[in-house]
C-alpha atoms as a PDB file:
ATOM      1  CA  MET A   1     -33.627 -18.523 -62.112  1.00  0.00           C
ATOM      2  CA  ALA A   2     -35.602 -19.303 -58.954  1.00  0.00           C
ATOM      3  CA  LYS A   3     -33.791 -19.324 -55.653  1.00  0.00           C
ATOM      4  CA  ARG A   4     -33.283 -22.840 -54.261  1.00  0.00           C
ATOM      5  CA  ARG A   5     -34.676 -23.531 -50.801  1.00  0.00           C
ATOM      6  CA  ARG A   6     -32.264 -24.803 -48.205  1.00  0.00           C
ATOM      7  CA  LEU A   7     -34.250 -27.766 -46.966  1.00  0.00           C
ATOM      8  CA  LEU A   8     -32.198 -28.548 -43.878  1.00  0.00           C
ATOM      9  CA  LEU A   9     -31.974 -26.100 -41.001  1.00  0.00           C
ATOM     10  CA  ASP A  10     -28.310 -27.114 -40.697  1.00  0.00           C
ATOM     11  CA  ASN A  11     -27.695 -25.319 -44.010  1.00  0.00           C
ATOM     12  CA  TYR A  12     -28.624 -21.973 -42.445  1.00  0.00           C
ATOM     13  CA  PRO A  13     -26.316 -19.682 -40.448  1.00  0.00           C
ATOM     14  CA  GLU A  14     -26.305 -19.744 -36.632  1.00  0.00           C
ATOM     15  CA  ILE A  15     -28.089 -16.384 -36.561  1.00  0.00           C
ATOM     16  CA  LEU A  16     -31.212 -16.313 -38.726  1.00  0.00           C
ATOM     17  CA  THR A  17     -32.998 -13.364 -40.242  1.00  0.00           C
ATOM     18  CA  VAL A  18     -36.748 -13.154 -40.723  1.00  0.00           C
ATOM     19  CA  ALA A  19     -36.081 -13.867 -44.422  1.00  0.00           C
ATOM     20  CA  ASP A  20     -34.280 -17.111 -43.441  1.00  0.00           C
ATOM     21  CA  PHE A  21     -37.195 -18.065 -41.171  1.00  0.00           C
ATOM     22  CA  GLN A  22     -39.641 -17.266 -43.958  1.00  0.00           C
ATOM     23  CA  GLU A  23     -37.700 -19.304 -46.502  1.00  0.00           C
ATOM     24  CA  TYR A  24     -37.216 -22.315 -44.216  1.00  0.00           C
ATOM     25  CA  LEU A  25     -40.931 -22.585 -43.397  1.00  0.00           C
ATOM     26  CA  ASN A  26     -42.047 -21.521 -46.880  1.00  0.00           C
ATOM     27  CA  LEU A  27     -44.163 -18.664 -45.522  1.00  0.00           C
ATOM     28  CA  GLY A  28     -45.243 -15.365 -46.966  1.00  0.00           C
ATOM     29  CA  LYS A  29     -43.561 -12.235 -45.639  1.00  0.00           C
ATOM     30  CA  SER A  30     -46.549 -10.996 -43.621  1.00  0.00           C
ATOM     31  CA  GLN A  31     -47.164 -14.444 -42.102  1.00  0.00           C
ATOM     32  CA  ALA A  32     -43.484 -14.731 -41.120  1.00  0.00           C
ATOM     33  CA  TYR A  33     -43.556 -11.335 -39.370  1.00  0.00           C
ATOM     34  CA  GLU A  34     -46.845 -12.191 -37.658  1.00  0.00           C
ATOM     35  CA  ILE A  35     -45.261 -15.297 -36.111  1.00  0.00           C
ATOM     36  CA  VAL A  36     -41.912 -13.685 -35.300  1.00  0.00           C
ATOM     37  CA  ASN A  37     -43.632 -10.784 -33.539  1.00  0.00           C
ATOM     38  CA  ARG A  38     -45.579 -13.056 -31.195  1.00  0.00           C
ATOM     39  CA  GLU A  39     -44.712 -12.550 -27.543  1.00  0.00           C
ATOM     40  CA  HIS A  40     -43.116 -15.936 -26.888  1.00  0.00           C
ATOM     41  CA  PHE A  41     -41.208 -16.321 -30.159  1.00  0.00           C
ATOM     42  CA  PRO A  42     -37.411 -16.487 -29.469  1.00  0.00           C
ATOM     43  CA  LYS A  43     -36.135 -13.372 -31.206  1.00  0.00           C
ATOM     44  CA  ILE A  44     -33.902 -10.444 -30.389  1.00  0.00           C
ATOM     45  CA  LYS A  45     -34.800  -6.979 -31.628  1.00  0.00           C
ATOM     46  CA  ILE A  46     -31.974  -4.541 -32.234  1.00  0.00           C
ATOM     47  CA  LYS A  47     -33.655  -1.283 -33.167  1.00  0.00           C
ATOM     48  CA  LYS A  48     -35.708  -2.371 -36.205  1.00  0.00           C
ATOM     49  CA  LYS A  49     -33.662  -5.492 -36.958  1.00  0.00           C
ATOM     50  CA  ILE A  50     -34.849  -8.904 -35.770  1.00  0.00           C
ATOM     51  CA  ILE A  51     -32.443 -11.808 -35.301  1.00  0.00           C
ATOM     52  CA  ILE A  52     -33.209 -15.393 -34.339  1.00  0.00           C
ATOM     53  CA  TYR A  53     -30.644 -17.753 -32.861  1.00  0.00           C
ATOM     54  CA  LYS A  54     -30.933 -21.051 -34.724  1.00  0.00           C
ATOM     55  CA  GLU A  55     -30.712 -23.194 -31.565  1.00  0.00           C
ATOM     56  CA  ASN A  56     -33.501 -21.209 -29.893  1.00  0.00           C
ATOM     57  CA  PHE A  57     -35.590 -21.517 -33.046  1.00  0.00           C
ATOM     58  CA  LYS A  58     -35.063 -25.311 -33.093  1.00  0.00           C
ATOM     59  CA  GLU A  59     -36.263 -25.550 -29.484  1.00  0.00           C
ATOM     60  CA  TRP A  60     -39.267 -23.334 -30.230  1.00  0.00           C
ATOM     61  CA  LEU A  61     -40.125 -25.335 -33.335  1.00  0.00           C
ATOM     62  CA  SER A  62     -40.005 -28.661 -31.500  1.00  0.00           C
ATOM     63  CA  SER A  63     -42.347 -27.407 -28.771  1.00  0.00           C
ATOM     64  CA  ASN A  64     -44.686 -25.476 -31.105  1.00  0.00           C
ATOM     65  CA  GLY A  65     -45.365 -27.877 -33.925  1.00  0.00           C
ATOM     66  CA  ASN A  66     -48.835 -26.431 -34.546  1.00  0.00           C
ATOM     67  CA  PHE A  67     -47.821 -22.758 -34.491  1.00  0.00           C
ATOM     68  CA  ILE A  68     -49.280 -21.654 -37.859  1.00  0.00           C
ATOM     69  CA  LYS A  69     -52.989 -20.909 -37.570  1.00  0.00           C
END
C-alpha cells in the first residue's frame, strides 16, 4: 500500500529529516538534497546527518516561495 502524504506541516515532527522535507514538498530525492545543500537553506549537519528545524523551515519557505528552479 502506498504511503500517505502528510499534507499539513503541523503533522510533521519539530525536527525534520531530508526525507520529511522531500515528502512534504513532493520532491525527488536528488532534488531535495540539491535544495537542502544550498548555502542559505536552514539545516544543521551532524557528521553526515542533516536535520531541519520545522520553525526555521517555515520561515525559509515563506520567504523563498519560488525556490525550486
